[in-house]
């Protein structure tokens, strides 16, 4: 008889790490290193990135990033996201968790590796005004858009479904600014208000664009080639991501919150329940955090935690 729960847990782990049983080799290495890293237990970054709403935030990040035609051109022209979406997801998770939980040397090496992968990602596109422009994935302003779309998504999802943030939202923006600097962002925002203002300036400038390529991308994000056991839960997470979007971006993306006739469906509550189920399946602390705690205990930053 099939063990559907075990299969589901295995596919869930595969989606996030690339393997259903063994840990990726980079996770145990987070226990290595001779410094505490850029972030510690009790930090805003650990609180946000160690919580389940990051799943919804990841989907929202992809939706928001698609609105910048330069960022989207880079993905479409230099990425195999259609053939290997989970591989791309696993690489992104590796970078996020290495910067969050790793030593400074590990965070800097992971960021340098990602920037090297971005070196050939160059080309041209038409901006929201129809003006031809060139793009480079390592361009500081394009990196700024990616960084701010990430901040916006992770902070927004955590506000809806997460717990308290030590120091508040400003602390998270300020702490994760280091990740932006590692990726070449010049003077990243240090407060939530500054982050929101920069995001609104992109919208007001007309640089963002919702064209046929965005429609195609949104359709793919809505229905990626996941294992059948993961699809019901993913539909809930996608609905949660759409729910969390500001209405103006939701309209640009051609998305609406789910309704049953004239009545809105309880997306917020359903997403919270689904995130709780995932938390039970994966555990309250992920292997990356546990590896980091092992390093911190070795270095004397933690006592028996």
C-alpha atoms as a PDB file:
ATOM      1  CA  UNK A   1       0.000   0.000   0.000  1.00  0.00           C
ATOM      2  CA  UNK A   2       1.364   3.425  -0.932  1.00  0.00           C
ATOM      3  CA  UNK A   3       2.529   5.656   1.876  1.00  0.00           C
ATOM      4  CA  UNK A   4       1.015   8.868   0.515  1.00  0.00           C
ATOM      5  CA  UNK A   5       2.103  10.965   3.505  1.00  0.00           C
ATOM      6  CA  UNK A   6       5.693   9.803   3.129  1.00  0.00           C
ATOM      7  CA  UNK A   7       5.605  10.428  -0.611  1.00  0.00           C
ATOM      8  CA  UNK A   8       4.186  13.913  -0.045  1.00  0.00           C
ATOM      9  CA  UNK A   9       6.875  14.757   2.508  1.00  0.00           C
ATOM     10  CA  UNK A  10       9.539  13.477   0.136  1.00  0.00           C
ATOM     11  CA  UNK A  11       8.253  15.529  -2.783  1.00  0.00           C
ATOM     12  CA  UNK A  12       7.993  18.575  -0.527  1.00  0.00           C
ATOM     13  CA  UNK A  13      11.649  18.194   0.439  1.00  0.00           C
ATOM     14  CA  UNK A  14      12.616  17.645  -3.203  1.00  0.00           C
ATOM     15  CA  UNK A  15      10.873  20.888  -4.192  1.00  0.00           C
ATOM     16  CA  UNK A  16      12.916  22.923  -1.716  1.00  0.00           C
ATOM     17  CA  UNK A  17      16.258  21.131  -1.782  1.00  0.00           C
ATOM     18  CA  UNK A  18      16.394  19.074  -4.980  1.00  0.00           C
ATOM     19  CA  UNK A  19      16.422  15.765  -3.053  1.00  0.00           C
ATOM     20  CA  UNK A  20      13.677  13.803  -1.316  1.00  0.00           C
ATOM     21  CA  UNK A  21      15.965  12.048   1.167  1.00  0.00           C
ATOM     22  CA  UNK A  22      19.561  13.311   1.396  1.00  0.00           C
ATOM     23  CA  UNK A  23      20.434  16.877   2.307  1.00  0.00           C
ATOM     24  CA  UNK A  24      22.168  18.955  -0.380  1.00  0.00           C
ATOM     25  CA  UNK A  25      25.903  19.001   0.308  1.00  0.00           C
ATOM     26  CA  UNK A  26      25.885  22.766   0.954  1.00  0.00           C
ATOM     27  CA  UNK A  27      23.572  22.486   3.998  1.00  0.00           C
ATOM     28  CA  UNK A  28      25.979  20.630   6.350  1.00  0.00           C
ATOM     29  CA  UNK A  29      28.716  23.057   5.294  1.00  0.00           C
ATOM     30  CA  UNK A  30      26.775  25.873   6.982  1.00  0.00           C
ATOM     31  CA  UNK A  31      28.137  24.384  10.224  1.00  0.00           C
ATOM     32  CA  UNK A  32      31.644  25.277   9.011  1.00  0.00           C
ATOM     33  CA  UNK A  33      33.360  28.651   9.230  1.00  0.00           C
ATOM     34  CA  UNK A  34      35.101  30.754  11.846  1.00  0.00           C
ATOM     35  CA  UNK A  35      32.693  33.643  12.311  1.00  0.00           C
ATOM     36  CA  UNK A  36      29.077  34.166  13.341  1.00  0.00           C
ATOM     37  CA  UNK A  37      27.959  35.353   9.922  1.00  0.00           C
ATOM     38  CA  UNK A  38      25.955  38.429   9.059  1.00  0.00           C
ATOM     39  CA  UNK A  39      22.849  37.339  11.008  1.00  0.00           C
ATOM     40  CA  UNK A  40      22.283  35.698  14.384  1.00  0.00           C
ATOM     41  CA  UNK A  41      19.429  33.963  16.214  1.00  0.00           C
ATOM     42  CA  UNK A  42      17.004  36.600  17.406  1.00  0.00           C
ATOM     43  CA  UNK A  43      17.597  38.753  14.335  1.00  0.00           C
ATOM     44  CA  UNK A  44      14.801  39.957  12.105  1.00  0.00           C
ATOM     45  CA  UNK A  45      16.269  37.989   9.187  1.00  0.00           C
ATOM     46  CA  UNK A  46      16.234  34.705  11.124  1.00  0.00           C
ATOM     47  CA  UNK A  47      12.644  35.368  12.213  1.00  0.00           C
ATOM     48  CA  UNK A  48      11.400  36.041   8.678  1.00  0.00           C
ATOM     49  CA  UNK A  49      13.447  33.476   6.754  1.00  0.00           C
ATOM     50  CA  UNK A  50      12.867  30.741   9.306  1.00  0.00           C
ATOM     51  CA  UNK A  51       9.086  30.974   9.018  1.00  0.00           C
ATOM     52  CA  UNK A  52       6.668  29.203   6.707  1.00  0.00           C
ATOM     53  CA  UNK A  53       5.297  32.357   4.949  1.00  0.00           C
ATOM     54  CA  UNK A  54       8.535  32.377   2.934  1.00  0.00           C
ATOM     55  CA  UNK A  55       6.827  29.815   0.668  1.00  0.00           C
ATOM     56  CA  UNK A  56       4.132  32.324  -0.258  1.00  0.00           C
ATOM     57  CA  UNK A  57       6.729  35.085  -0.417  1.00  0.00           C
ATOM     58  CA  UNK A  58       8.764  33.172  -2.977  1.00  0.00           C
ATOM     59  CA  UNK A  59       5.783  32.960  -5.330  1.00  0.00           C
ATOM     60  CA  UNK A  60       4.948  36.634  -4.808  1.00  0.00           C
ATOM     61  CA  UNK A  61       8.589  37.547  -5.524  1.00  0.00           C
ATOM     62  CA  UNK A  62       8.444  35.800  -8.903  1.00  0.00           C
ATOM     63  CA  UNK A  63       5.198  37.555  -9.790  1.00  0.00           C
ATOM     64  CA  UNK A  64       6.530  40.996  -8.853  1.00  0.00           C
ATOM     65  CA  UNK A  65       9.905  40.533 -10.535  1.00  0.00           C
ATOM     66  CA  UNK A  66       8.114  39.622 -13.770  1.00  0.00           C
ATOM     67  CA  UNK A  67       6.796  43.192 -14.052  1.00  0.00           C
ATOM     68  CA  UNK A  68      10.248  44.590 -14.830  1.00  0.00           C
ATOM     69  CA  UNK A  69      10.837  43.909 -18.549  1.00  0.00           C
ATOM     70  CA  UNK A  70      14.619  43.842 -18.081  1.00  0.00           C
ATOM     71  CA  UNK A  71      14.476  41.266 -15.313  1.00  0.00           C
ATOM     72  CA  UNK A  72      11.939  39.207 -17.247  1.00  0.00           C
ATOM     73  CA  UNK A  73      13.998  39.321 -20.451  1.00  0.00           C
ATOM     74  CA  UNK A  74      16.961  37.901 -18.546  1.00  0.00           C
ATOM     75  CA  UNK A  75      14.892  35.012 -17.209  1.00  0.00           C
ATOM     76  CA  UNK A  76      13.299  34.182 -20.567  1.00  0.00           C
ATOM     77  CA  UNK A  77      16.469  34.484 -22.631  1.00  0.00           C
ATOM     78  CA  UNK A  78      19.072  33.022 -20.266  1.00  0.00           C
ATOM     79  CA  UNK A  79      17.240  30.593 -17.986  1.00  0.00           C
ATOM     80  CA  UNK A  80      15.903  27.052 -18.224  1.00  0.00           C
ATOM     81  CA  UNK A  81      13.101  27.799 -15.774  1.00  0.00           C
ATOM     82  CA  UNK A  82      10.516  25.998 -17.930  1.00  0.00           C
ATOM     83  CA  UNK A  83      12.516  22.765 -18.100  1.00  0.00           C
ATOM     84  CA  UNK A  84      13.862  22.833 -14.527  1.00  0.00           C
ATOM     85  CA  UNK A  85      11.848  25.190 -12.309  1.00  0.00           C
ATOM     86  CA  UNK A  86      12.682  23.264  -9.138  1.00  0.00           C
ATOM     87  CA  UNK A  87      16.386  23.397  -9.936  1.00  0.00           C
ATOM     88  CA  UNK A  88      16.212  27.173 -10.209  1.00  0.00           C
ATOM     89  CA  UNK A  89      14.233  27.304  -6.963  1.00  0.00           C
ATOM     90  CA  UNK A  90      16.811  25.137  -5.183  1.00  0.00           C
ATOM     91  CA  UNK A  91      19.654  27.421  -6.327  1.00  0.00           C
ATOM     92  CA  UNK A  92      17.799  30.492  -5.082  1.00  0.00           C
ATOM     93  CA  UNK A  93      17.072  28.843  -1.735  1.00  0.00           C
ATOM     94  CA  UNK A  94      20.744  27.910  -1.431  1.00  0.00           C
ATOM     95  CA  UNK A  95      21.790  31.545  -1.784  1.00  0.00           C
ATOM     96  CA  UNK A  96      19.111  32.876   0.600  1.00  0.00           C
ATOM     97  CA  UNK A  97      19.880  30.370   3.333  1.00  0.00           C
ATOM     98  CA  UNK A  98      23.643  30.677   2.931  1.00  0.00           C
ATOM     99  CA  UNK A  99      23.488  34.450   3.396  1.00  0.00           C
ATOM    100  CA  UNK A 100      20.975  34.022   6.234  1.00  0.00           C
ATOM    101  CA  UNK A 101      22.678  31.223   8.163  1.00  0.00           C
ATOM    102  CA  UNK A 102      26.225  30.856   6.866  1.00  0.00           C
ATOM    103  CA  UNK A 103      29.496  32.435   7.871  1.00  0.00           C
ATOM    104  CA  UNK A 104      30.476  35.717   6.233  1.00  0.00           C
ATOM    105  CA  UNK A 105      32.928  33.872   4.004  1.00  0.00           C
ATOM    106  CA  UNK A 106      30.214  31.431   2.906  1.00  0.00           C
ATOM    107  CA  UNK A 107      27.737  34.262   2.229  1.00  0.00           C
ATOM    108  CA  UNK A 108      30.287  36.201   0.210  1.00  0.00           C
ATOM    109  CA  UNK A 109      31.339  33.127  -1.783  1.00  0.00           C
ATOM    110  CA  UNK A 110      27.714  32.195  -2.543  1.00  0.00           C
ATOM    111  CA  UNK A 111      26.967  35.743  -3.706  1.00  0.00           C
ATOM    112  CA  UNK A 112      30.108  35.869  -5.846  1.00  0.00           C
ATOM    113  CA  UNK A 113      29.118  32.532  -7.417  1.00  0.00           C
ATOM    114  CA  UNK A 114      25.674  33.898  -8.249  1.00  0.00           C
ATOM    115  CA  UNK A 115      27.121  37.068  -9.731  1.00  0.00           C
ATOM    116  CA  UNK A 116      29.454  34.975 -11.909  1.00  0.00           C
ATOM    117  CA  UNK A 117      26.435  33.042 -13.170  1.00  0.00           C
ATOM    118  CA  UNK A 118      24.818  36.405 -13.967  1.00  0.00           C
ATOM    119  CA  UNK A 119      27.813  37.683 -15.992  1.00  0.00           C
ATOM    120  CA  UNK A 120      26.561  36.376 -19.376  1.00  0.00           C
ATOM    121  CA  UNK A 121      22.950  37.412 -18.693  1.00  0.00           C
ATOM    122  CA  UNK A 122      22.818  40.436 -20.983  1.00  0.00           C
ATOM    123  CA  UNK A 123      20.625  41.610 -23.822  1.00  0.00           C
ATOM    124  CA  UNK A 124      18.074  44.235 -24.787  1.00  0.00           C
ATOM    125  CA  UNK A 125      14.398  44.944 -24.164  1.00  0.00           C
ATOM    126  CA  UNK A 126      11.776  47.642 -24.595  1.00  0.00           C
ATOM    127  CA  UNK A 127      10.785  49.381 -21.386  1.00  0.00           C
ATOM    128  CA  UNK A 128       7.270  50.381 -20.360  1.00  0.00           C
ATOM    129  CA  UNK A 129       7.484  53.442 -22.650  1.00  0.00           C
ATOM    130  CA  UNK A 130       8.582  51.366 -25.652  1.00  0.00           C
ATOM    131  CA  UNK A 131      12.147  52.681 -25.467  1.00  0.00           C
ATOM    132  CA  UNK A 132      14.867  50.149 -26.394  1.00  0.00           C
ATOM    133  CA  UNK A 133      17.238  49.534 -23.501  1.00  0.00           C
ATOM    134  CA  UNK A 134      20.026  47.137 -22.685  1.00  0.00           C
ATOM    135  CA  UNK A 135      20.103  44.967 -19.589  1.00  0.00           C
ATOM    136  CA  UNK A 136      22.658  43.098 -17.530  1.00  0.00           C
ATOM    137  CA  UNK A 137      21.725  40.898 -14.574  1.00  0.00           C
ATOM    138  CA  UNK A 138      24.598  42.429 -12.608  1.00  0.00           C
ATOM    139  CA  UNK A 139      23.541  46.012 -13.355  1.00  0.00           C
ATOM    140  CA  UNK A 140      23.130  47.736  -9.943  1.00  0.00           C
ATOM    141  CA  UNK A 141      19.691  49.154 -10.779  1.00  0.00           C
ATOM    142  CA  UNK A 142      18.347  45.838 -12.048  1.00  0.00           C
ATOM    143  CA  UNK A 143      19.802  44.182  -8.951  1.00  0.00           C
ATOM    144  CA  UNK A 144      17.998  46.860  -6.922  1.00  0.00           C
ATOM    145  CA  UNK A 145      14.653  45.903  -8.474  1.00  0.00           C
ATOM    146  CA  UNK A 146      15.227  42.220  -7.686  1.00  0.00           C
ATOM    147  CA  UNK A 147      16.295  43.087  -4.122  1.00  0.00           C
ATOM    148  CA  UNK A 148      13.324  45.368  -3.446  1.00  0.00           C
ATOM    149  CA  UNK A 149      10.794  42.949  -4.982  1.00  0.00           C
ATOM    150  CA  UNK A 150      12.240  40.304  -2.648  1.00  0.00           C
ATOM    151  CA  UNK A 151      11.986  42.580   0.412  1.00  0.00           C
ATOM    152  CA  UNK A 152       8.444  43.596  -0.470  1.00  0.00           C
ATOM    153  CA  UNK A 153       7.311  39.994  -0.892  1.00  0.00           C
ATOM    154  CA  UNK A 154       8.948  38.510   2.193  1.00  0.00           C
ATOM    155  CA  UNK A 155       7.922  41.366   4.455  1.00  0.00           C
ATOM    156  CA  UNK A 156       4.344  41.457   3.156  1.00  0.00           C
ATOM    157  CA  UNK A 157       3.806  37.699   3.487  1.00  0.00           C
ATOM    158  CA  UNK A 158       5.306  37.657   6.966  1.00  0.00           C
ATOM    159  CA  UNK A 159       3.062  40.507   8.108  1.00  0.00           C
ATOM    160  CA  UNK A 160       0.005  38.500   7.066  1.00  0.00           C
ATOM    161  CA  UNK A 161       0.975  34.969   8.165  1.00  0.00           C
ATOM    162  CA  UNK A 162       4.097  35.261  10.317  1.00  0.00           C
ATOM    163  CA  UNK A 163       4.846  36.137  13.903  1.00  0.00           C
ATOM    164  CA  UNK A 164       6.517  39.188  15.457  1.00  0.00           C
ATOM    165  CA  UNK A 165       9.679  40.511  13.820  1.00  0.00           C
ATOM    166  CA  UNK A 166      12.410  41.450  16.322  1.00  0.00           C
ATOM    167  CA  UNK A 167      12.959  45.179  15.866  1.00  0.00           C
ATOM    168  CA  UNK A 168       9.999  45.416  13.491  1.00  0.00           C
ATOM    169  CA  UNK A 169       9.876  45.629   9.677  1.00  0.00           C
ATOM    170  CA  UNK A 170      12.585  48.310   9.550  1.00  0.00           C
ATOM    171  CA  UNK A 171      15.016  45.900  11.218  1.00  0.00           C
ATOM    172  CA  UNK A 172      14.373  43.289   8.538  1.00  0.00           C
ATOM    173  CA  UNK A 173      14.900  45.786   5.694  1.00  0.00           C
ATOM    174  CA  UNK A 174      18.054  47.124   7.357  1.00  0.00           C
ATOM    175  CA  UNK A 175      19.534  43.681   8.068  1.00  0.00           C
ATOM    176  CA  UNK A 176      18.794  42.219   4.608  1.00  0.00           C
ATOM    177  CA  UNK A 177      20.377  45.286   3.002  1.00  0.00           C
ATOM    178  CA  UNK A 178      23.651  43.376   3.448  1.00  0.00           C
ATOM    179  CA  UNK A 179      22.396  40.755   0.994  1.00  0.00           C
ATOM    180  CA  UNK A 180      21.662  43.543  -1.486  1.00  0.00           C
ATOM    181  CA  UNK A 181      25.187  44.915  -1.111  1.00  0.00           C
ATOM    182  CA  UNK A 182      26.653  41.452  -1.702  1.00  0.00           C
ATOM    183  CA  UNK A 183      24.704  41.354  -4.985  1.00  0.00           C
ATOM    184  CA  UNK A 184      25.916  44.788  -6.103  1.00  0.00           C
ATOM    185  CA  UNK A 185      23.011  46.990  -4.967  1.00  0.00           C
ATOM    186  CA  UNK A 186      24.266  50.477  -4.231  1.00  0.00           C
ATOM    187  CA  UNK A 187      22.748  52.142  -1.137  1.00  0.00           C
ATOM    188  CA  UNK A 188      19.928  49.637  -0.595  1.00  0.00           C
ATOM    189  CA  UNK A 189      16.916  50.873   1.394  1.00  0.00           C
ATOM    190  CA  UNK A 190      17.273  50.723   5.172  1.00  0.00           C
ATOM    191  CA  UNK A 191      13.658  51.280   6.224  1.00  0.00           C
ATOM    192  CA  UNK A 192      10.315  49.896   5.126  1.00  0.00           C
ATOM    193  CA  UNK A 193       9.138  53.362   4.112  1.00  0.00           C
ATOM    194  CA  UNK A 194      12.183  53.906   1.897  1.00  0.00           C
ATOM    195  CA  UNK A 195      11.687  50.477   0.327  1.00  0.00           C
ATOM    196  CA  UNK A 196       8.008  51.217  -0.399  1.00  0.00           C
ATOM    197  CA  UNK A 197       8.843  54.637  -1.859  1.00  0.00           C
ATOM    198  CA  UNK A 198      11.424  53.142  -4.209  1.00  0.00           C
ATOM    199  CA  UNK A 199       8.950  50.477  -5.310  1.00  0.00           C
ATOM    200  CA  UNK A 200       6.267  53.114  -5.925  1.00  0.00           C
ATOM    201  CA  UNK A 201       8.686  55.202  -8.004  1.00  0.00           C
ATOM    202  CA  UNK A 202       9.118  52.297 -10.425  1.00  0.00           C
ATOM    203  CA  UNK A 203       5.361  52.010 -10.720  1.00  0.00           C
ATOM    204  CA  UNK A 204       4.835  55.767 -11.164  1.00  0.00           C
ATOM    205  CA  UNK A 205       7.623  56.033 -13.751  1.00  0.00           C
ATOM    206  CA  UNK A 206       5.867  53.645 -16.134  1.00  0.00           C
ATOM    207  CA  UNK A 207       8.990  51.468 -16.406  1.00  0.00           C
ATOM    208  CA  UNK A 208       7.078  48.370 -15.349  1.00  0.00           C
ATOM    209  CA  UNK A 209       5.308  46.504 -18.113  1.00  0.00           C
ATOM    210  CA  UNK A 210       2.549  43.905 -18.351  1.00  0.00           C
ATOM    211  CA  UNK A 211       2.736  42.404 -21.848  1.00  0.00           C
ATOM    212  CA  UNK A 212       2.296  39.004 -23.461  1.00  0.00           C
ATOM    213  CA  UNK A 213       5.530  37.738 -21.959  1.00  0.00           C
ATOM    214  CA  UNK A 214       4.236  38.610 -18.476  1.00  0.00           C
ATOM    215  CA  UNK A 215       0.965  36.785 -19.212  1.00  0.00           C
ATOM    216  CA  UNK A 216       2.956  33.709 -20.255  1.00  0.00           C
ATOM    217  CA  UNK A 217       5.125  33.901 -17.138  1.00  0.00           C
ATOM    218  CA  UNK A 218       2.171  34.319 -14.788  1.00  0.00           C
ATOM    219  CA  UNK A 219       0.491  31.301 -16.404  1.00  0.00           C
ATOM    220  CA  UNK A 220       3.623  29.243 -15.772  1.00  0.00           C
ATOM    221  CA  UNK A 221       3.916  30.398 -12.146  1.00  0.00           C
ATOM    222  CA  UNK A 222       0.225  29.621 -11.627  1.00  0.00           C
ATOM    223  CA  UNK A 223       0.607  26.063 -12.918  1.00  0.00           C
ATOM    224  CA  UNK A 224       4.240  24.847 -12.800  1.00  0.00           C
ATOM    225  CA  UNK A 225       5.077  21.191 -13.539  1.00  0.00           C
ATOM    226  CA  UNK A 226       4.925  19.960  -9.944  1.00  0.00           C
ATOM    227  CA  UNK A 227       4.355  16.447  -8.665  1.00  0.00           C
ATOM    228  CA  UNK A 228       0.587  15.746  -8.442  1.00  0.00           C
ATOM    229  CA  UNK A 229       0.811  15.409  -4.649  1.00  0.00           C
ATOM    230  CA  UNK A 230       2.072  19.003  -4.384  1.00  0.00           C
ATOM    231  CA  UNK A 231      -0.407  20.671  -6.712  1.00  0.00           C
ATOM    232  CA  UNK A 232      -3.356  21.138  -4.299  1.00  0.00           C
ATOM    233  CA  UNK A 233      -1.144  22.816  -1.699  1.00  0.00           C
ATOM    234  CA  UNK A 234       0.594  24.918  -4.328  1.00  0.00           C
ATOM    235  CA  UNK A 235      -2.740  26.245  -5.581  1.00  0.00           C
ATOM    236  CA  UNK A 236      -3.441  27.493  -2.066  1.00  0.00           C
ATOM    237  CA  UNK A 237       0.016  29.108  -1.805  1.00  0.00           C
ATOM    238  CA  UNK A 238      -0.442  30.769  -5.194  1.00  0.00           C
ATOM    239  CA  UNK A 239      -3.821  32.139  -4.108  1.00  0.00           C
ATOM    240  CA  UNK A 240      -2.143  33.439  -0.957  1.00  0.00           C
ATOM    241  CA  UNK A 241       0.544  35.180  -3.007  1.00  0.00           C
ATOM    242  CA  UNK A 242      -2.124  36.837  -5.166  1.00  0.00           C
ATOM    243  CA  UNK A 243      -4.066  37.855  -2.045  1.00  0.00           C
ATOM    244  CA  UNK A 244      -0.939  39.481  -0.581  1.00  0.00           C
ATOM    245  CA  UNK A 245      -0.263  41.656  -3.647  1.00  0.00           C
ATOM    246  CA  UNK A 246      -1.151  45.323  -3.656  1.00  0.00           C
ATOM    247  CA  UNK A 247      -4.247  45.764  -5.865  1.00  0.00           C
ATOM    248  CA  UNK A 248      -2.402  47.875  -8.461  1.00  0.00           C
ATOM    249  CA  UNK A 249       0.181  45.137  -9.068  1.00  0.00           C
ATOM    250  CA  UNK A 250      -2.526  42.483  -9.013  1.00  0.00           C
ATOM    251  CA  UNK A 251      -4.299  44.365 -11.794  1.00  0.00           C
ATOM    252  CA  UNK A 252      -1.103  44.708 -13.824  1.00  0.00           C
ATOM    253  CA  UNK A 253      -0.551  40.974 -13.584  1.00  0.00           C
ATOM    254  CA  UNK A 254      -4.136  40.241 -14.627  1.00  0.00           C
ATOM    255  CA  UNK A 255      -4.855  38.418 -11.376  1.00  0.00           C
ATOM    256  CA  UNK A 256      -7.842  38.469  -9.038  1.00  0.00           C
ATOM    257  CA  UNK A 257      -8.449  37.032  -5.599  1.00  0.00           C
ATOM    258  CA  UNK A 258     -10.564  33.855  -5.707  1.00  0.00           C
ATOM    259  CA  UNK A 259     -14.314  34.256  -5.287  1.00  0.00           C
ATOM    260  CA  UNK A 260     -17.354  32.026  -5.137  1.00  0.00           C
ATOM    261  CA  UNK A 261     -19.870  34.126  -7.044  1.00  0.00           C
ATOM    262  CA  UNK A 262     -20.053  37.493  -5.272  1.00  0.00           C
ATOM    263  CA  UNK A 263     -18.315  36.208  -2.128  1.00  0.00           C
ATOM    264  CA  UNK A 264     -14.538  36.210  -1.616  1.00  0.00           C
ATOM    265  CA  UNK A 265     -13.069  32.871  -0.580  1.00  0.00           C
ATOM    266  CA  UNK A 266     -11.218  32.734   2.784  1.00  0.00           C
ATOM    267  CA  UNK A 267      -7.761  32.775   1.210  1.00  0.00           C
ATOM    268  CA  UNK A 268      -5.975  34.179   4.256  1.00  0.00           C
ATOM    269  CA  UNK A 269      -7.313  31.474   6.570  1.00  0.00           C
ATOM    270  CA  UNK A 270      -6.824  28.662   4.057  1.00  0.00           C
ATOM    271  CA  UNK A 271      -3.239  29.716   3.401  1.00  0.00           C
ATOM    272  CA  UNK A 272      -2.536  29.858   7.135  1.00  0.00           C
ATOM    273  CA  UNK A 273      -3.856  26.300   7.532  1.00  0.00           C
ATOM    274  CA  UNK A 274      -1.790  25.033   4.586  1.00  0.00           C
ATOM    275  CA  UNK A 275       1.357  26.657   5.961  1.00  0.00           C
ATOM    276  CA  UNK A 276       0.682  24.953   9.285  1.00  0.00           C
ATOM    277  CA  UNK A 277       0.512  21.560   7.578  1.00  0.00           C
ATOM    278  CA  UNK A 278       3.822  22.200   5.804  1.00  0.00           C
ATOM    279  CA  UNK A 279       5.390  23.227   9.111  1.00  0.00           C
ATOM    280  CA  UNK A 280       4.299  19.934  10.669  1.00  0.00           C
ATOM    281  CA  UNK A 281       5.757  18.015   7.727  1.00  0.00           C
ATOM    282  CA  UNK A 282       9.114  19.811   7.629  1.00  0.00           C
ATOM    283  CA  UNK A 283       9.619  20.635  11.312  1.00  0.00           C
ATOM    284  CA  UNK A 284       9.853  23.937  13.134  1.00  0.00           C
ATOM    285  CA  UNK A 285      13.573  24.369  12.405  1.00  0.00           C
ATOM    286  CA  UNK A 286      15.058  23.598   9.026  1.00  0.00           C
ATOM    287  CA  UNK A 287      18.397  21.824   8.503  1.00  0.00           C
ATOM    288  CA  UNK A 288      20.100  25.080   7.448  1.00  0.00           C
ATOM    289  CA  UNK A 289      19.213  26.745  10.743  1.00  0.00           C
ATOM    290  CA  UNK A 290      20.293  23.673  12.705  1.00  0.00           C
ATOM    291  CA  UNK A 291      23.660  23.634  10.911  1.00  0.00           C
ATOM    292  CA  UNK A 292      24.133  27.328  11.677  1.00  0.00           C
ATOM    293  CA  UNK A 293      23.321  26.751  15.347  1.00  0.00           C
ATOM    294  CA  UNK A 294      25.963  24.023  15.421  1.00  0.00           C
ATOM    295  CA  UNK A 295      28.580  26.504  14.128  1.00  0.00           C
ATOM    296  CA  UNK A 296      27.466  29.181  16.570  1.00  0.00           C
ATOM    297  CA  UNK A 297      27.680  26.760  19.527  1.00  0.00           C
ATOM    298  CA  UNK A 298      31.180  25.769  18.445  1.00  0.00           C
ATOM    299  CA  UNK A 299      32.183  29.435  18.310  1.00  0.00           C
ATOM    300  CA  UNK A 300      30.639  30.185  21.709  1.00  0.00           C
ATOM    301  CA  UNK A 301      27.719  32.317  20.552  1.00  0.00           C
ATOM    302  CA  UNK A 302      25.101  29.838  21.801  1.00  0.00           C
ATOM    303  CA  UNK A 303      24.963  27.723  24.918  1.00  0.00           C
ATOM    304  CA  UNK A 304      23.099  24.476  24.482  1.00  0.00           C
ATOM    305  CA  UNK A 305      20.443  25.908  22.109  1.00  0.00           C
END
